[in-house]
Amino acid sequence: MIRPCFLVIDREFPGSISTRKLVIETAKFNVITAYSGQEALDVFTRFPAVSGIVLDGGLDDVPCDELALKIKQLQPKVPIIVISAPGFSECPHADYQLESFDPAKLLETLRSIKPEAAAEIEKRNEELSREKLS
């Protein structure tokens, strides 16, 4: 099984790891993390075969829509999910926009991007749970 891999672009906070990254990895998806818009472009150029992008709408170095546009110019079909604070201005180049950070809504969106892989992961988790109970 090849697990979906998502590029998470998240602001860096001293001494912390991306909460979004942890949530996504808990769902058994792979994650590559970038902590700025420029780093995201560098990483995406190096690893363009990601299943999707999870983008913090509040990045400081590159405006959200500018970054989404640059990513779409490199890979037009890659799904981009923007997570933004209430009242955030639109990011028209993103495919999905989630207001605030709701882990359940984020995972639902990621699973909708790769439904077959998500179902396969869920099936495998159930098999492992049954084996553990045996």
N, C-alpha and C. Protein backbone atom coordinates (compact mmCIF):
# COMPACT_ATOMS: atom_id res chain seq x y z
N MET A 1 0.84 -1.17 0.00
CA MET A 1 0.00 0.00 0.00
C MET A 1 0.89 1.24 0.00
N ILE A 2 0.58 2.16 -0.88
CA ILE A 2 1.28 3.45 -0.90
C ILE A 2 0.36 4.45 -0.21
N ARG A 3 0.82 4.96 0.91
CA ARG A 3 0.01 5.90 1.68
C ARG A 3 0.09 7.29 1.07
N PRO A 4 -1.02 8.02 1.09
CA PRO A 4 -0.98 9.41 0.62
C PRO A 4 0.02 10.22 1.45
N CYS A 5 0.62 11.19 0.81
CA CYS A 5 1.58 12.06 1.47
C CYS A 5 1.15 13.51 1.23
N PHE A 6 1.07 14.27 2.30
CA PHE A 6 0.64 15.65 2.22
C PHE A 6 1.75 16.58 2.66
N LEU A 7 1.89 17.70 1.95
CA LEU A 7 2.82 18.75 2.35
C LEU A 7 2.05 19.70 3.24
N VAL A 8 2.49 19.82 4.50
CA VAL A 8 1.88 20.73 5.45
C VAL A 8 2.75 21.98 5.54
N ILE A 9 2.15 23.12 5.24
CA ILE A 9 2.85 24.40 5.31
C ILE A 9 2.28 25.14 6.51
N ASP A 10 3.10 25.25 7.53
CA ASP A 10 2.62 25.74 8.82
C ASP A 10 3.61 26.75 9.38
N ARG A 11 3.10 27.75 10.06
CA ARG A 11 4.00 28.71 10.71
C ARG A 11 4.80 27.99 11.80
N GLU A 12 6.02 28.39 11.91
CA GLU A 12 6.90 27.77 12.91
C GLU A 12 6.78 28.53 14.23
N PHE A 13 6.56 27.78 15.29
CA PHE A 13 6.52 28.35 16.62
C PHE A 13 7.66 27.73 17.41
N PRO A 14 8.40 28.53 18.17
CA PRO A 14 9.54 27.99 18.92
C PRO A 14 9.13 26.82 19.82
N GLY A 15 9.90 25.76 19.73
CA GLY A 15 9.70 24.62 20.63
C GLY A 15 8.48 23.79 20.38
N SER A 16 7.84 23.94 19.24
CA SER A 16 6.64 23.13 18.99
C SER A 16 6.71 22.47 17.63
N ILE A 17 5.95 21.40 17.49
CA ILE A 17 5.84 20.72 16.21
C ILE A 17 4.44 21.01 15.67
N SER A 18 4.28 20.96 14.41
CA SER A 18 3.00 21.26 13.80
C SER A 18 1.91 20.31 14.32
N THR A 19 0.87 20.91 14.90
CA THR A 19 -0.28 20.12 15.36
C THR A 19 -0.96 19.46 14.17
N ARG A 20 -1.03 20.18 13.07
CA ARG A 20 -1.65 19.60 11.87
C ARG A 20 -0.90 18.36 11.42
N LYS A 21 0.41 18.42 11.48
CA LYS A 21 1.23 17.27 11.10
C LYS A 21 0.89 16.06 11.98
N LEU A 22 0.80 16.28 13.26
CA LEU A 22 0.49 15.19 14.18
C LEU A 22 -0.90 14.59 13.90
N VAL A 23 -1.88 15.45 13.64
CA VAL A 23 -3.23 14.97 13.34
C VAL A 23 -3.24 14.12 12.08
N ILE A 24 -2.57 14.59 11.05
CA ILE A 24 -2.55 13.88 9.77
C ILE A 24 -1.80 12.54 9.91
N GLU A 25 -0.68 12.54 10.63
CA GLU A 25 0.07 11.30 10.83
C GLU A 25 -0.73 10.30 11.66
N THR A 26 -1.53 10.78 12.59
CA THR A 26 -2.38 9.89 13.39
C THR A 26 -3.35 9.12 12.49
N ALA A 27 -3.75 9.75 11.39
CA ALA A 27 -4.64 9.09 10.42
C ALA A 27 -3.87 8.16 9.49
N LYS A 28 -2.58 7.99 9.73
CA LYS A 28 -1.70 7.09 8.98
C LYS A 28 -1.35 7.60 7.58
N PHE A 29 -1.46 8.92 7.38
CA PHE A 29 -0.99 9.54 6.15
C PHE A 29 0.44 10.02 6.40
N ASN A 30 1.23 10.09 5.35
CA ASN A 30 2.59 10.61 5.45
C ASN A 30 2.56 12.13 5.32
N VAL A 31 3.54 12.78 5.94
CA VAL A 31 3.58 14.24 5.96
C VAL A 31 4.99 14.73 5.72
N ILE A 32 5.08 15.75 4.90
CA ILE A 32 6.31 16.54 4.74
C ILE A 32 5.93 17.93 5.25
N THR A 33 6.79 18.55 6.04
CA THR A 33 6.44 19.84 6.63
C THR A 33 7.37 20.93 6.15
N ALA A 34 6.78 22.08 5.86
CA ALA A 34 7.53 23.30 5.57
C ALA A 34 7.02 24.38 6.51
N TYR A 35 7.91 25.24 6.98
CA TYR A 35 7.53 26.24 7.98
C TYR A 35 7.50 27.66 7.45
N SER A 36 7.56 27.82 6.14
CA SER A 36 7.41 29.14 5.52
C SER A 36 6.98 28.93 4.08
N GLY A 37 6.51 29.98 3.47
CA GLY A 37 6.10 29.88 2.07
C GLY A 37 7.26 29.55 1.15
N GLN A 38 8.40 30.20 1.37
CA GLN A 38 9.56 29.94 0.53
C GLN A 38 10.06 28.51 0.70
N GLU A 39 10.11 28.05 1.95
CA GLU A 39 10.52 26.66 2.19
C GLU A 39 9.55 25.70 1.51
N ALA A 40 8.27 26.03 1.54
CA ALA A 40 7.26 25.18 0.90
C ALA A 40 7.51 25.06 -0.60
N LEU A 41 7.82 26.16 -1.24
CA LEU A 41 8.11 26.12 -2.69
C LEU A 41 9.35 25.28 -2.96
N ASP A 42 10.37 25.42 -2.14
CA ASP A 42 11.59 24.63 -2.30
C ASP A 42 11.30 23.13 -2.12
N VAL A 43 10.54 22.80 -1.08
CA VAL A 43 10.21 21.40 -0.80
C VAL A 43 9.32 20.84 -1.91
N PHE A 44 8.33 21.61 -2.33
CA PHE A 44 7.40 21.13 -3.36
C PHE A 44 8.12 20.92 -4.69
N THR A 45 9.08 21.77 -4.99
CA THR A 45 9.88 21.59 -6.21
C THR A 45 10.67 20.30 -6.15
N ARG A 46 11.14 19.97 -4.96
CA ARG A 46 11.92 18.74 -4.78
C ARG A 46 11.05 17.49 -4.70
N PHE A 47 9.85 17.62 -4.11
CA PHE A 47 8.93 16.49 -3.92
C PHE A 47 7.55 16.83 -4.49
N PRO A 48 7.41 16.89 -5.80
CA PRO A 48 6.15 17.33 -6.40
C PRO A 48 5.02 16.29 -6.40
N ALA A 49 5.31 15.06 -6.05
CA ALA A 49 4.31 14.00 -6.15
C ALA A 49 3.45 13.86 -4.90
N VAL A 50 3.32 14.92 -4.10
CA VAL A 50 2.48 14.83 -2.91
C VAL A 50 1.01 14.70 -3.33
N SER A 51 0.22 14.15 -2.42
CA SER A 51 -1.21 13.94 -2.68
C SER A 51 -2.01 15.22 -2.52
N GLY A 52 -1.47 16.17 -1.78
CA GLY A 52 -2.15 17.44 -1.54
C GLY A 52 -1.33 18.32 -0.63
N ILE A 53 -1.82 19.55 -0.49
CA ILE A 53 -1.15 20.57 0.30
C ILE A 53 -2.12 21.05 1.38
N VAL A 54 -1.63 21.15 2.61
CA VAL A 54 -2.39 21.76 3.71
C VAL A 54 -1.65 23.05 4.05
N LEU A 55 -2.30 24.18 3.81
CA LEU A 55 -1.65 25.48 3.88
C LEU A 55 -2.26 26.35 4.97
N ASP A 56 -1.41 26.83 5.86
CA ASP A 56 -1.82 27.78 6.89
C ASP A 56 -2.04 29.13 6.20
N GLY A 57 -3.25 29.64 6.26
CA GLY A 57 -3.58 30.90 5.60
C GLY A 57 -2.89 32.11 6.20
N GLY A 58 -2.28 31.96 7.37
CA GLY A 58 -1.67 33.10 8.04
C GLY A 58 -0.16 33.15 7.96
N LEU A 59 0.42 32.55 6.93
CA LEU A 59 1.88 32.61 6.79
C LEU A 59 2.34 34.06 6.70
N ASP A 60 3.53 34.33 7.20
CA ASP A 60 4.03 35.69 7.24
C ASP A 60 4.82 36.10 6.00
N ASP A 61 5.55 35.17 5.40
CA ASP A 61 6.51 35.57 4.36
C ASP A 61 5.92 35.66 2.95
N VAL A 62 4.90 34.88 2.65
CA VAL A 62 4.28 34.89 1.32
C VAL A 62 2.77 34.90 1.52
N PRO A 63 2.05 35.83 0.88
CA PRO A 63 0.59 35.81 1.01
C PRO A 63 0.01 34.47 0.53
N CYS A 64 -1.02 34.03 1.20
CA CYS A 64 -1.62 32.72 0.95
C CYS A 64 -1.95 32.50 -0.53
N ASP A 65 -2.66 33.43 -1.14
CA ASP A 65 -3.07 33.20 -2.52
C ASP A 65 -1.90 33.23 -3.48
N GLU A 66 -0.90 34.04 -3.19
CA GLU A 66 0.31 34.06 -4.02
C GLU A 66 1.01 32.70 -3.98
N LEU A 67 1.11 32.14 -2.79
CA LEU A 67 1.73 30.82 -2.64
C LEU A 67 0.90 29.75 -3.34
N ALA A 68 -0.42 29.79 -3.16
CA ALA A 68 -1.29 28.81 -3.82
C ALA A 68 -1.15 28.91 -5.34
N LEU A 69 -1.09 30.13 -5.87
CA LEU A 69 -0.93 30.32 -7.31
C LEU A 69 0.40 29.74 -7.80
N LYS A 70 1.48 29.99 -7.06
CA LYS A 70 2.79 29.46 -7.47
C LYS A 70 2.79 27.93 -7.46
N ILE A 71 2.15 27.35 -6.45
CA ILE A 71 2.06 25.89 -6.40
C ILE A 71 1.26 25.36 -7.58
N LYS A 72 0.13 26.01 -7.89
CA LYS A 72 -0.72 25.58 -9.02
C LYS A 72 0.01 25.74 -10.35
N GLN A 73 0.89 26.73 -10.46
CA GLN A 73 1.67 26.88 -11.68
C GLN A 73 2.64 25.72 -11.85
N LEU A 74 3.14 25.20 -10.74
CA LEU A 74 4.06 24.05 -10.80
C LEU A 74 3.31 22.74 -11.02
N GLN A 75 2.13 22.61 -10.41
CA GLN A 75 1.36 21.36 -10.44
C GLN A 75 -0.13 21.72 -10.38
N PRO A 76 -0.75 22.00 -11.52
CA PRO A 76 -2.13 22.51 -11.53
C PRO A 76 -3.17 21.63 -10.83
N LYS A 77 -2.95 20.33 -10.79
CA LYS A 77 -3.99 19.44 -10.25
C LYS A 77 -3.82 19.11 -8.77
N VAL A 78 -2.76 19.59 -8.14
CA VAL A 78 -2.56 19.26 -6.73
C VAL A 78 -3.62 19.98 -5.89
N PRO A 79 -4.35 19.24 -5.06
CA PRO A 79 -5.37 19.88 -4.21
C PRO A 79 -4.72 20.69 -3.09
N ILE A 80 -5.22 21.89 -2.89
CA ILE A 80 -4.72 22.76 -1.82
C ILE A 80 -5.86 23.03 -0.85
N ILE A 81 -5.59 22.77 0.43
CA ILE A 81 -6.53 23.04 1.51
C ILE A 81 -5.95 24.17 2.33
N VAL A 82 -6.67 25.27 2.42
CA VAL A 82 -6.23 26.40 3.24
C VAL A 82 -6.98 26.36 4.56
N ILE A 83 -6.23 26.50 5.64
CA ILE A 83 -6.83 26.60 6.96
C ILE A 83 -6.62 28.03 7.42
N SER A 84 -7.73 28.71 7.72
CA SER A 84 -7.63 30.14 8.02
C SER A 84 -8.41 30.51 9.27
N ALA A 85 -8.06 31.65 9.79
CA ALA A 85 -8.77 32.20 10.94
C ALA A 85 -10.09 32.79 10.45
N PRO A 86 -11.08 32.90 11.33
CA PRO A 86 -12.34 33.54 10.94
C PRO A 86 -12.08 34.95 10.40
N GLY A 87 -12.77 35.30 9.33
CA GLY A 87 -12.61 36.61 8.72
C GLY A 87 -11.45 36.72 7.74
N PHE A 88 -10.78 35.61 7.48
CA PHE A 88 -9.65 35.59 6.54
C PHE A 88 -10.14 35.92 5.15
N SER A 89 -9.35 36.71 4.41
CA SER A 89 -9.72 36.99 3.02
C SER A 89 -9.56 35.71 2.20
N GLU A 90 -10.34 35.61 1.19
CA GLU A 90 -10.37 34.41 0.36
C GLU A 90 -9.01 34.09 -0.26
N CYS A 91 -8.86 32.82 -0.58
CA CYS A 91 -7.67 32.33 -1.28
C CYS A 91 -8.21 31.59 -2.51
N PRO A 92 -8.53 32.32 -3.58
CA PRO A 92 -9.23 31.71 -4.71
C PRO A 92 -8.48 30.59 -5.43
N HIS A 93 -7.18 30.51 -5.27
CA HIS A 93 -6.44 29.43 -5.94
C HIS A 93 -6.44 28.13 -5.14
N ALA A 94 -6.98 28.16 -3.94
CA ALA A 94 -7.10 26.94 -3.13
C ALA A 94 -8.35 26.17 -3.55
N ASP A 95 -8.31 24.88 -3.37
CA ASP A 95 -9.45 24.03 -3.73
C ASP A 95 -10.44 23.89 -2.58
N TYR A 96 -9.93 23.99 -1.36
CA TYR A 96 -10.76 23.86 -0.16
C TYR A 96 -10.33 24.95 0.81
N GLN A 97 -11.28 25.46 1.57
CA GLN A 97 -10.93 26.42 2.61
C GLN A 97 -11.67 26.04 3.89
N LEU A 98 -10.91 25.79 4.94
CA LEU A 98 -11.47 25.45 6.24
C LEU A 98 -11.25 26.62 7.17
N GLU A 99 -12.32 27.07 7.80
CA GLU A 99 -12.18 28.16 8.74
C GLU A 99 -11.81 27.58 10.10
N SER A 100 -10.71 28.06 10.63
CA SER A 100 -10.19 27.61 11.91
C SER A 100 -9.65 26.18 11.76
N PHE A 101 -9.06 25.69 12.83
CA PHE A 101 -8.46 24.36 12.77
C PHE A 101 -9.38 23.36 13.44
N ASP A 102 -10.06 22.59 12.63
CA ASP A 102 -10.95 21.53 13.10
C ASP A 102 -10.36 20.21 12.59
N PRO A 103 -9.67 19.46 13.46
CA PRO A 103 -8.99 18.23 13.01
C PRO A 103 -9.92 17.26 12.28
N ALA A 104 -11.16 17.09 12.77
CA ALA A 104 -12.08 16.14 12.13
C ALA A 104 -12.42 16.60 10.71
N LYS A 105 -12.65 17.89 10.53
CA LYS A 105 -12.99 18.42 9.19
C LYS A 105 -11.79 18.30 8.25
N LEU A 106 -10.59 18.55 8.79
CA LEU A 106 -9.39 18.42 7.97
C LEU A 106 -9.23 16.98 7.50
N LEU A 107 -9.35 16.01 8.40
CA LEU A 107 -9.20 14.61 8.02
C LEU A 107 -10.28 14.17 7.04
N GLU A 108 -11.49 14.65 7.23
CA GLU A 108 -12.57 14.34 6.29
C GLU A 108 -12.23 14.85 4.89
N THR A 109 -11.68 16.05 4.82
CA THR A 109 -11.29 16.63 3.54
C THR A 109 -10.15 15.84 2.90
N LEU A 110 -9.14 15.48 3.70
CA LEU A 110 -8.02 14.70 3.17
C LEU A 110 -8.48 13.34 2.66
N ARG A 111 -9.37 12.71 3.42
CA ARG A 111 -9.89 11.40 2.99
C ARG A 111 -10.69 11.53 1.70
N SER A 112 -11.36 12.66 1.50
CA SER A 112 -12.13 12.85 0.26
C SER A 112 -11.22 13.02 -0.95
N ILE A 113 -10.00 13.47 -0.72
CA ILE A 113 -9.03 13.65 -1.81
C ILE A 113 -8.51 12.29 -2.28
N LYS A 114 -8.29 11.38 -1.35
CA LYS A 114 -7.77 10.04 -1.66
C LYS A 114 -8.67 8.99 -1.01
N PRO A 115 -9.93 8.85 -1.46
CA PRO A 115 -10.87 7.95 -0.78
C PRO A 115 -10.47 6.48 -0.81
N GLU A 116 -9.89 6.02 -1.91
CA GLU A 116 -9.52 4.60 -1.99
C GLU A 116 -8.40 4.29 -0.99
N ALA A 117 -7.40 5.16 -0.94
CA ALA A 117 -6.29 4.95 -0.02
C ALA A 117 -6.77 5.06 1.43
N ALA A 118 -7.65 6.02 1.69
CA ALA A 118 -8.18 6.18 3.05
C ALA A 118 -8.95 4.93 3.48
N ALA A 119 -9.74 4.38 2.56
CA ALA A 119 -10.51 3.16 2.86
C ALA A 119 -9.56 1.98 3.10
N GLU A 120 -8.51 1.89 2.32
CA GLU A 120 -7.54 0.81 2.48
C GLU A 120 -6.82 0.92 3.83
N ILE A 121 -6.47 2.13 4.22
CA ILE A 121 -5.83 2.34 5.52
C ILE A 121 -6.78 1.95 6.64
N GLU A 122 -8.03 2.35 6.53
CA GLU A 122 -9.02 2.01 7.56
C GLU A 122 -9.22 0.50 7.66
N LYS A 123 -9.27 -0.15 6.51
CA LYS A 123 -9.42 -1.61 6.50
C LYS A 123 -8.22 -2.27 7.18
N ARG A 124 -7.04 -1.79 6.87
CA ARG A 124 -5.82 -2.35 7.47
C ARG A 124 -5.80 -2.12 8.98
N ASN A 125 -6.25 -0.95 9.43
CA ASN A 125 -6.32 -0.68 10.86
C ASN A 125 -7.27 -1.64 11.56
N GLU A 126 -8.40 -1.92 10.91
CA GLU A 126 -9.38 -2.86 11.49
C GLU A 126 -8.77 -4.27 11.57
N GLU A 127 -8.05 -4.68 10.54
CA GLU A 127 -7.40 -5.99 10.56
C GLU A 127 -6.39 -6.08 11.69
N LEU A 128 -5.62 -5.02 11.87
CA LEU A 128 -4.62 -5.01 12.93
C LEU A 128 -5.29 -5.05 14.31
N SER A 129 -6.39 -4.36 14.44
CA SER A 129 -7.14 -4.38 15.71
C SER A 129 -7.67 -5.77 16.03
N ARG A 130 -8.21 -6.45 15.01
CA ARG A 130 -8.71 -7.82 15.20
C ARG A 130 -7.58 -8.76 15.57
N GLU A 131 -6.44 -8.63 14.91
CA GLU A 131 -5.29 -9.49 15.20
C GLU A 131 -4.81 -9.27 16.63
N LYS A 132 -4.83 -8.05 17.07
CA LYS A 132 -4.39 -7.73 18.42
C LYS A 132 -5.31 -8.34 19.48
N LEU A 133 -6.61 -8.40 19.17
CA LEU A 133 -7.58 -8.97 20.10
C LEU A 133 -7.53 -10.49 20.12
N SER A 134 -6.99 -11.09 19.08
CA SER A 134 -6.95 -12.55 18.99
C SER A 134 -5.92 -13.16 19.91
